[in-house]
Amino acid sequence: MHPFPALTNWWPGGGGGDAPDLRPGLEESDISPGIEGFLFTALIVVLLIFVVRDLAKRMRRMKYRTQVEAELAGEEPEFPGEVVPAEISEAQRHARDAAAAERFGPAAEAPPESSAEDPEAQSAEPDEERPGTDAVR
C-alpha cells in the first residue's frame, strides 16, 4: 500500500489499485497495435539494418580512397582513428616537463642514447649473453 494513494491514482493502472475494466464493447485486441504495429516495427528494423550497412560501406570506401590518394601523392597513408604521436613545440615540452617535475619531483637523468650511426657505441656482446633476447641460430 502506498503512503499517498492520491498521487498514484492520477493514471489508470498507475499502481493505485486494480486496473480499470474496459468499456463495454471493447476487447484487448481492439486497443493493441495488432499485426499492423508489428509489421511497421519490423519494417523500421529492416530499414535501419540497410542504413547501417550502407554507412559502413561508405566509410570503408572513403578510407580506401584516402589511402590510395596518399599513396599516389607519395605520402604515407594515414588511417582515420589512427593514434599518432603529436609533435609539440619546445615551449610546450618545457611546460610539460616543469609540470611533471612539480607534481612528481625531478626526473632522474637518463643516460644519453647511442645513435645507430655510431658503431663504437653499440655493444659487441653476442645475443646469447643479452637478457631478453632469443638466440636463434
N, C-alpha and C. Protein backbone atom coordinates (compact mmCIF):
# COMPACT_ATOMS: atom_id res chain seq x y z
N MET A 1 0.84 -1.18 0.00
CA MET A 1 0.00 0.00 0.00
C MET A 1 0.89 1.24 0.00
N HIS A 2 0.54 2.20 -0.82
CA HIS A 2 1.31 3.43 -0.92
C HIS A 2 0.89 4.41 0.16
N PRO A 3 1.86 5.19 0.65
CA PRO A 3 1.51 6.17 1.69
C PRO A 3 0.64 7.30 1.16
N PHE A 4 0.75 7.60 -0.12
CA PHE A 4 -0.05 8.67 -0.72
C PHE A 4 -0.80 8.11 -1.92
N PRO A 5 -1.93 7.45 -1.72
CA PRO A 5 -2.63 6.83 -2.85
C PRO A 5 -3.15 7.83 -3.85
N ALA A 6 -3.37 9.06 -3.47
CA ALA A 6 -3.89 10.05 -4.41
C ALA A 6 -2.85 10.38 -5.47
N LEU A 7 -1.57 10.24 -5.15
CA LEU A 7 -0.53 10.55 -6.11
C LEU A 7 -0.37 9.47 -7.18
N THR A 8 -0.80 8.25 -6.88
CA THR A 8 -0.65 7.18 -7.84
C THR A 8 -1.94 6.88 -8.60
N ASN A 9 -3.05 7.51 -8.27
CA ASN A 9 -4.32 7.25 -8.93
C ASN A 9 -4.60 8.19 -10.08
N TRP A 10 -3.67 9.05 -10.44
CA TRP A 10 -3.94 10.02 -11.48
C TRP A 10 -3.96 9.38 -12.86
N TRP A 11 -3.43 8.16 -13.03
CA TRP A 11 -3.41 7.48 -14.32
C TRP A 11 -3.97 6.09 -14.13
N PRO A 12 -4.83 5.62 -15.01
CA PRO A 12 -5.38 4.27 -14.84
C PRO A 12 -4.27 3.22 -14.84
N GLY A 13 -4.28 2.35 -13.87
CA GLY A 13 -3.24 1.34 -13.74
C GLY A 13 -1.96 1.91 -13.21
N GLY A 14 -2.01 3.07 -12.60
CA GLY A 14 -0.82 3.73 -12.10
C GLY A 14 -0.33 3.20 -10.78
N GLY A 15 -0.81 2.07 -10.34
CA GLY A 15 -0.32 1.49 -9.10
C GLY A 15 -1.22 1.78 -7.92
N GLY A 16 -2.31 2.46 -8.14
CA GLY A 16 -3.19 2.81 -7.04
C GLY A 16 -4.26 1.77 -6.77
N GLY A 17 -4.14 0.63 -7.36
CA GLY A 17 -5.14 -0.41 -7.13
C GLY A 17 -5.27 -1.27 -8.37
N ASP A 18 -6.44 -1.87 -8.53
CA ASP A 18 -6.66 -2.75 -9.69
C ASP A 18 -6.78 -1.91 -10.96
N ALA A 19 -6.42 -2.55 -12.06
CA ALA A 19 -6.55 -1.88 -13.35
C ALA A 19 -8.02 -1.74 -13.68
N PRO A 20 -8.40 -0.62 -14.28
CA PRO A 20 -9.82 -0.42 -14.60
C PRO A 20 -10.28 -1.39 -15.69
N ASP A 21 -11.55 -1.69 -15.67
CA ASP A 21 -12.12 -2.56 -16.69
C ASP A 21 -12.31 -1.78 -17.98
N LEU A 22 -12.33 -2.51 -19.09
CA LEU A 22 -12.57 -1.87 -20.38
C LEU A 22 -14.04 -1.48 -20.50
N ARG A 23 -14.27 -0.46 -21.33
CA ARG A 23 -15.66 -0.06 -21.58
C ARG A 23 -16.42 -1.21 -22.22
N PRO A 24 -17.70 -1.23 -22.06
CA PRO A 24 -18.48 -2.29 -22.71
C PRO A 24 -18.35 -2.22 -24.23
N GLY A 25 -18.12 -3.34 -24.86
CA GLY A 25 -17.98 -3.40 -26.31
C GLY A 25 -16.53 -3.39 -26.77
N LEU A 26 -15.57 -3.13 -25.88
CA LEU A 26 -14.15 -3.11 -26.25
C LEU A 26 -13.50 -4.41 -25.80
N GLU A 27 -12.53 -4.87 -26.59
CA GLU A 27 -11.75 -6.03 -26.22
C GLU A 27 -10.27 -5.65 -26.26
N GLU A 28 -9.42 -6.49 -25.67
CA GLU A 28 -7.98 -6.22 -25.67
C GLU A 28 -7.43 -6.08 -27.08
N SER A 29 -7.92 -6.87 -28.00
CA SER A 29 -7.43 -6.83 -29.38
C SER A 29 -7.80 -5.52 -30.08
N ASP A 30 -8.82 -4.82 -29.59
CA ASP A 30 -9.23 -3.56 -30.21
C ASP A 30 -8.27 -2.42 -29.86
N ILE A 31 -7.55 -2.55 -28.74
CA ILE A 31 -6.68 -1.45 -28.32
C ILE A 31 -5.20 -1.80 -28.43
N SER A 32 -4.85 -2.97 -28.93
CA SER A 32 -3.46 -3.36 -29.11
C SER A 32 -3.00 -2.95 -30.51
N PRO A 33 -1.69 -2.83 -30.73
CA PRO A 33 -1.22 -2.41 -32.05
C PRO A 33 -1.51 -3.44 -33.14
N GLY A 34 -1.65 -4.70 -32.79
CA GLY A 34 -2.01 -5.72 -33.76
C GLY A 34 -0.92 -6.02 -34.75
N ILE A 35 -1.31 -6.65 -35.84
CA ILE A 35 -0.35 -7.04 -36.87
C ILE A 35 0.24 -5.82 -37.57
N GLU A 36 -0.54 -4.75 -37.69
CA GLU A 36 -0.03 -3.54 -38.34
C GLU A 36 1.14 -2.96 -37.57
N GLY A 37 1.02 -2.92 -36.25
CA GLY A 37 2.10 -2.40 -35.42
C GLY A 37 3.35 -3.25 -35.51
N PHE A 38 3.16 -4.57 -35.53
CA PHE A 38 4.30 -5.47 -35.65
C PHE A 38 4.99 -5.28 -37.00
N LEU A 39 4.21 -5.21 -38.08
CA LEU A 39 4.80 -5.06 -39.41
C LEU A 39 5.53 -3.72 -39.55
N PHE A 40 4.96 -2.67 -38.98
CA PHE A 40 5.62 -1.36 -39.04
C PHE A 40 6.95 -1.39 -38.29
N THR A 41 6.97 -2.02 -37.10
CA THR A 41 8.21 -2.12 -36.33
C THR A 41 9.24 -2.96 -37.08
N ALA A 42 8.81 -4.06 -37.69
CA ALA A 42 9.73 -4.90 -38.46
C ALA A 42 10.30 -4.12 -39.65
N LEU A 43 9.47 -3.32 -40.30
CA LEU A 43 9.93 -2.51 -41.43
C LEU A 43 11.00 -1.51 -40.98
N ILE A 44 10.78 -0.87 -39.86
CA ILE A 44 11.75 0.10 -39.33
C ILE A 44 13.08 -0.61 -39.03
N VAL A 45 13.03 -1.80 -38.45
CA VAL A 45 14.26 -2.54 -38.13
C VAL A 45 15.01 -2.91 -39.41
N VAL A 46 14.30 -3.39 -40.42
CA VAL A 46 14.94 -3.76 -41.68
C VAL A 46 15.57 -2.53 -42.34
N LEU A 47 14.87 -1.42 -42.35
CA LEU A 47 15.43 -0.19 -42.93
C LEU A 47 16.66 0.27 -42.16
N LEU A 48 16.63 0.15 -40.85
CA LEU A 48 17.79 0.54 -40.04
C LEU A 48 19.00 -0.34 -40.36
N ILE A 49 18.78 -1.63 -40.55
CA ILE A 49 19.89 -2.53 -40.91
C ILE A 49 20.50 -2.11 -42.24
N PHE A 50 19.66 -1.80 -43.23
CA PHE A 50 20.18 -1.36 -44.53
C PHE A 50 20.94 -0.04 -44.42
N VAL A 51 20.45 0.88 -43.63
CA VAL A 51 21.13 2.17 -43.49
C VAL A 51 22.49 2.00 -42.82
N VAL A 52 22.58 1.18 -41.78
CA VAL A 52 23.85 0.97 -41.08
C VAL A 52 24.85 0.27 -41.99
N ARG A 53 24.40 -0.71 -42.76
CA ARG A 53 25.31 -1.40 -43.69
C ARG A 53 25.81 -0.44 -44.76
N ASP A 54 24.94 0.41 -45.28
CA ASP A 54 25.34 1.38 -46.28
C ASP A 54 26.34 2.38 -45.71
N LEU A 55 26.12 2.79 -44.48
CA LEU A 55 27.04 3.72 -43.82
C LEU A 55 28.41 3.09 -43.67
N ALA A 56 28.46 1.83 -43.23
CA ALA A 56 29.75 1.15 -43.07
C ALA A 56 30.46 1.01 -44.41
N LYS A 57 29.70 0.70 -45.48
CA LYS A 57 30.29 0.56 -46.81
C LYS A 57 30.87 1.89 -47.28
N ARG A 58 30.16 2.97 -47.07
CA ARG A 58 30.64 4.28 -47.50
C ARG A 58 31.87 4.71 -46.71
N MET A 59 31.89 4.42 -45.42
CA MET A 59 33.06 4.78 -44.61
C MET A 59 34.29 3.97 -45.04
N ARG A 60 34.10 2.69 -45.33
CA ARG A 60 35.19 1.85 -45.80
C ARG A 60 35.71 2.36 -47.14
N ARG A 61 34.79 2.75 -48.02
CA ARG A 61 35.18 3.28 -49.32
C ARG A 61 35.97 4.58 -49.17
N MET A 62 35.56 5.44 -48.25
CA MET A 62 36.29 6.69 -48.01
C MET A 62 37.69 6.41 -47.49
N LYS A 63 37.81 5.43 -46.61
CA LYS A 63 39.12 5.08 -46.05
C LYS A 63 40.05 4.60 -47.15
N TYR A 64 39.56 3.70 -48.01
CA TYR A 64 40.39 3.20 -49.11
C TYR A 64 40.74 4.31 -50.09
N ARG A 65 39.80 5.20 -50.35
CA ARG A 65 40.06 6.29 -51.28
C ARG A 65 41.17 7.21 -50.77
N THR A 66 41.12 7.56 -49.48
CA THR A 66 42.18 8.41 -48.93
C THR A 66 43.51 7.68 -48.89
N GLN A 67 43.46 6.36 -48.70
CA GLN A 67 44.69 5.57 -48.70
C GLN A 67 45.33 5.60 -50.09
N VAL A 68 44.54 5.40 -51.13
CA VAL A 68 45.06 5.40 -52.49
C VAL A 68 45.56 6.79 -52.87
N GLU A 69 44.83 7.83 -52.49
CA GLU A 69 45.26 9.20 -52.81
C GLU A 69 46.59 9.51 -52.13
N ALA A 70 46.78 9.06 -50.91
CA ALA A 70 48.03 9.31 -50.21
C ALA A 70 49.17 8.54 -50.86
N GLU A 71 48.92 7.31 -51.28
CA GLU A 71 49.97 6.54 -51.95
C GLU A 71 50.34 7.15 -53.29
N LEU A 72 49.35 7.67 -54.03
CA LEU A 72 49.64 8.31 -55.31
C LEU A 72 50.41 9.61 -55.12
N ALA A 73 50.18 10.29 -54.02
CA ALA A 73 50.88 11.54 -53.76
C ALA A 73 52.27 11.30 -53.16
N GLY A 74 52.59 10.04 -52.88
CA GLY A 74 53.91 9.73 -52.33
C GLY A 74 53.99 9.90 -50.83
N GLU A 75 52.87 10.05 -50.19
CA GLU A 75 52.86 10.20 -48.74
C GLU A 75 52.53 8.87 -48.10
N GLU A 76 52.80 8.79 -46.82
CA GLU A 76 52.40 7.59 -46.10
C GLU A 76 50.92 7.72 -45.76
N PRO A 77 50.11 6.71 -46.06
CA PRO A 77 48.67 6.84 -45.80
C PRO A 77 48.39 6.93 -44.31
N GLU A 78 47.48 7.82 -43.99
CA GLU A 78 47.07 7.99 -42.59
C GLU A 78 45.65 7.46 -42.46
N PHE A 79 45.45 6.58 -41.51
CA PHE A 79 44.15 5.97 -41.33
C PHE A 79 43.32 6.78 -40.35
N PRO A 80 42.04 6.94 -40.61
CA PRO A 80 41.19 7.63 -39.65
C PRO A 80 41.16 6.87 -38.33
N GLY A 81 41.32 7.58 -37.27
CA GLY A 81 41.30 6.94 -35.96
C GLY A 81 42.65 6.42 -35.54
N GLU A 82 43.67 6.56 -36.39
CA GLU A 82 45.00 6.08 -36.04
C GLU A 82 45.62 7.02 -35.01
N VAL A 83 46.22 6.46 -34.02
CA VAL A 83 46.85 7.26 -32.98
C VAL A 83 48.28 7.54 -33.41
N VAL A 84 48.59 8.81 -33.61
CA VAL A 84 49.94 9.20 -33.98
C VAL A 84 50.47 10.13 -32.91
N PRO A 85 51.74 10.04 -32.61
CA PRO A 85 52.28 10.94 -31.59
C PRO A 85 52.23 12.39 -32.07
N ALA A 86 51.80 13.24 -31.20
CA ALA A 86 51.68 14.65 -31.56
C ALA A 86 53.04 15.32 -31.45
N GLU A 87 53.29 16.22 -32.37
CA GLU A 87 54.52 16.99 -32.30
C GLU A 87 54.23 18.24 -31.48
N ILE A 88 55.07 18.48 -30.49
CA ILE A 88 54.86 19.64 -29.63
C ILE A 88 56.08 20.54 -29.72
N SER A 89 55.86 21.80 -29.46
CA SER A 89 56.94 22.77 -29.55
C SER A 89 57.85 22.65 -28.33
N GLU A 90 58.98 23.32 -28.42
CA GLU A 90 59.94 23.30 -27.30
C GLU A 90 59.33 23.94 -26.06
N ALA A 91 58.54 25.00 -26.23
CA ALA A 91 57.90 25.65 -25.08
C ALA A 91 56.88 24.71 -24.44
N GLN A 92 56.12 23.98 -25.25
CA GLN A 92 55.16 23.03 -24.70
C GLN A 92 55.87 21.89 -23.97
N ARG A 93 56.98 21.41 -24.54
CA ARG A 93 57.75 20.35 -23.91
C ARG A 93 58.31 20.82 -22.57
N HIS A 94 58.82 22.06 -22.53
CA HIS A 94 59.36 22.60 -21.28
C HIS A 94 58.26 22.74 -20.23
N ALA A 95 57.07 23.22 -20.64
CA ALA A 95 55.95 23.37 -19.70
C ALA A 95 55.49 22.01 -19.19
N ARG A 96 55.45 21.01 -20.07
CA ARG A 96 55.06 19.66 -19.65
C ARG A 96 56.06 19.08 -18.65
N ASP A 97 57.36 19.26 -18.94
CA ASP A 97 58.38 18.73 -18.04
C ASP A 97 58.36 19.45 -16.70
N ALA A 98 58.11 20.78 -16.72
CA ALA A 98 58.04 21.54 -15.47
C ALA A 98 56.84 21.10 -14.63
N ALA A 99 55.70 20.88 -15.27
CA ALA A 99 54.52 20.42 -14.54
C ALA A 99 54.74 19.04 -13.96
N ALA A 100 55.40 18.15 -14.71
CA ALA A 100 55.67 16.81 -14.21
C ALA A 100 56.66 16.85 -13.05
N ALA A 101 57.66 17.73 -13.15
CA ALA A 101 58.63 17.85 -12.06
C ALA A 101 57.97 18.41 -10.81
N GLU A 102 57.04 19.34 -10.99
CA GLU A 102 56.35 19.91 -9.83
C GLU A 102 55.46 18.87 -9.16
N ARG A 103 54.83 18.05 -9.97
CA ARG A 103 53.89 17.07 -9.41
C ARG A 103 54.59 15.83 -8.86
N PHE A 104 55.60 15.30 -9.60
CA PHE A 104 56.22 14.04 -9.22
C PHE A 104 57.65 14.19 -8.73
N GLY A 105 58.19 15.38 -8.75
CA GLY A 105 59.58 15.57 -8.34
C GLY A 105 60.47 15.57 -9.58
N PRO A 106 61.73 15.93 -9.39
CA PRO A 106 62.62 15.99 -10.55
C PRO A 106 62.83 14.60 -11.14
N ALA A 107 62.94 14.57 -12.44
CA ALA A 107 63.12 13.30 -13.14
C ALA A 107 64.57 12.87 -13.04
N ALA A 108 64.79 11.57 -12.97
CA ALA A 108 66.15 11.04 -12.94
C ALA A 108 66.76 11.24 -14.32
N GLU A 109 68.03 11.61 -14.33
CA GLU A 109 68.69 11.84 -15.60
C GLU A 109 68.87 10.51 -16.33
N ALA A 110 68.41 10.47 -17.54
CA ALA A 110 68.54 9.27 -18.35
C ALA A 110 69.90 9.28 -19.03
N PRO A 111 70.53 8.11 -19.19
CA PRO A 111 71.81 8.09 -19.90
C PRO A 111 71.59 8.49 -21.35
N PRO A 112 72.57 9.13 -21.94
CA PRO A 112 72.40 9.56 -23.33
C PRO A 112 72.21 8.34 -24.24
N GLU A 113 71.30 8.50 -25.19
CA GLU A 113 71.02 7.41 -26.11
C GLU A 113 72.12 7.34 -27.16
N SER A 114 72.53 6.13 -27.48
CA SER A 114 73.55 5.99 -28.51
C SER A 114 72.88 6.00 -29.87
N SER A 115 73.52 6.62 -30.81
CA SER A 115 72.92 6.71 -32.14
C SER A 115 73.26 5.46 -32.95
N ALA A 116 72.46 5.18 -33.93
CA ALA A 116 72.66 4.00 -34.75
C ALA A 116 73.84 4.19 -35.71
N GLU A 117 74.24 5.44 -35.99
CA GLU A 117 75.34 5.69 -36.90
C GLU A 117 76.69 5.43 -36.24
N ASP A 118 76.75 5.46 -34.91
CA ASP A 118 78.00 5.31 -34.19
C ASP A 118 78.24 3.83 -33.91
N PRO A 119 79.12 3.16 -34.68
CA PRO A 119 79.31 1.73 -34.48
C PRO A 119 80.02 1.41 -33.16
N GLU A 120 80.84 2.34 -32.63
CA GLU A 120 81.54 2.07 -31.38
C GLU A 120 80.60 2.13 -30.19
N ALA A 121 79.48 2.85 -30.30
CA ALA A 121 78.56 2.97 -29.19
C ALA A 121 77.74 1.69 -29.00
N GLN A 122 77.64 0.89 -30.06
CA GLN A 122 76.88 -0.35 -29.95
C GLN A 122 77.75 -1.39 -29.27
N SER A 123 77.12 -2.20 -28.45
CA SER A 123 77.88 -3.20 -27.72
C SER A 123 78.24 -4.35 -28.65
N ALA A 124 79.32 -4.98 -28.32
CA ALA A 124 79.80 -6.10 -29.13
C ALA A 124 79.42 -7.43 -28.48
N GLU A 125 78.48 -7.42 -27.54
CA GLU A 125 78.08 -8.65 -26.87
C GLU A 125 77.31 -9.54 -27.83
N PRO A 126 77.52 -10.84 -27.75
CA PRO A 126 76.69 -11.73 -28.56
C PRO A 126 75.28 -11.79 -28.02
N ASP A 127 74.34 -12.25 -28.86
CA ASP A 127 72.93 -12.28 -28.49
C ASP A 127 72.64 -13.21 -27.33
N GLU A 128 73.45 -14.30 -27.15
CA GLU A 128 73.16 -15.24 -26.07
C GLU A 128 73.30 -14.59 -24.70
N GLU A 129 74.22 -13.63 -24.59
CA GLU A 129 74.51 -13.07 -23.28
C GLU A 129 73.57 -11.92 -22.92
N ARG A 130 72.86 -11.38 -23.87
CA ARG A 130 71.94 -10.28 -23.57
C ARG A 130 70.66 -10.83 -22.98
N PRO A 131 70.23 -10.27 -21.87
CA PRO A 131 68.96 -10.74 -21.32
C PRO A 131 67.80 -10.28 -22.18
N GLY A 132 66.83 -11.14 -22.34
CA GLY A 132 65.62 -10.77 -23.07
C GLY A 132 65.69 -10.99 -24.55
N THR A 133 66.83 -11.52 -25.05
CA THR A 133 66.90 -11.81 -26.48
C THR A 133 66.99 -13.30 -26.66
N ASP A 134 66.38 -13.77 -27.69
CA ASP A 134 66.44 -15.20 -28.00
C ASP A 134 67.43 -15.39 -29.13
N ALA A 135 68.41 -16.24 -28.85
CA ALA A 135 69.40 -16.52 -29.88
C ALA A 135 68.92 -17.68 -30.72
N VAL A 136 68.64 -17.38 -31.97
CA VAL A 136 68.20 -18.43 -32.89
C VAL A 136 69.29 -18.58 -33.93
N ARG A 137 69.84 -19.73 -33.98
CA ARG A 137 70.94 -19.97 -34.94
C ARG A 137 70.61 -21.15 -35.80
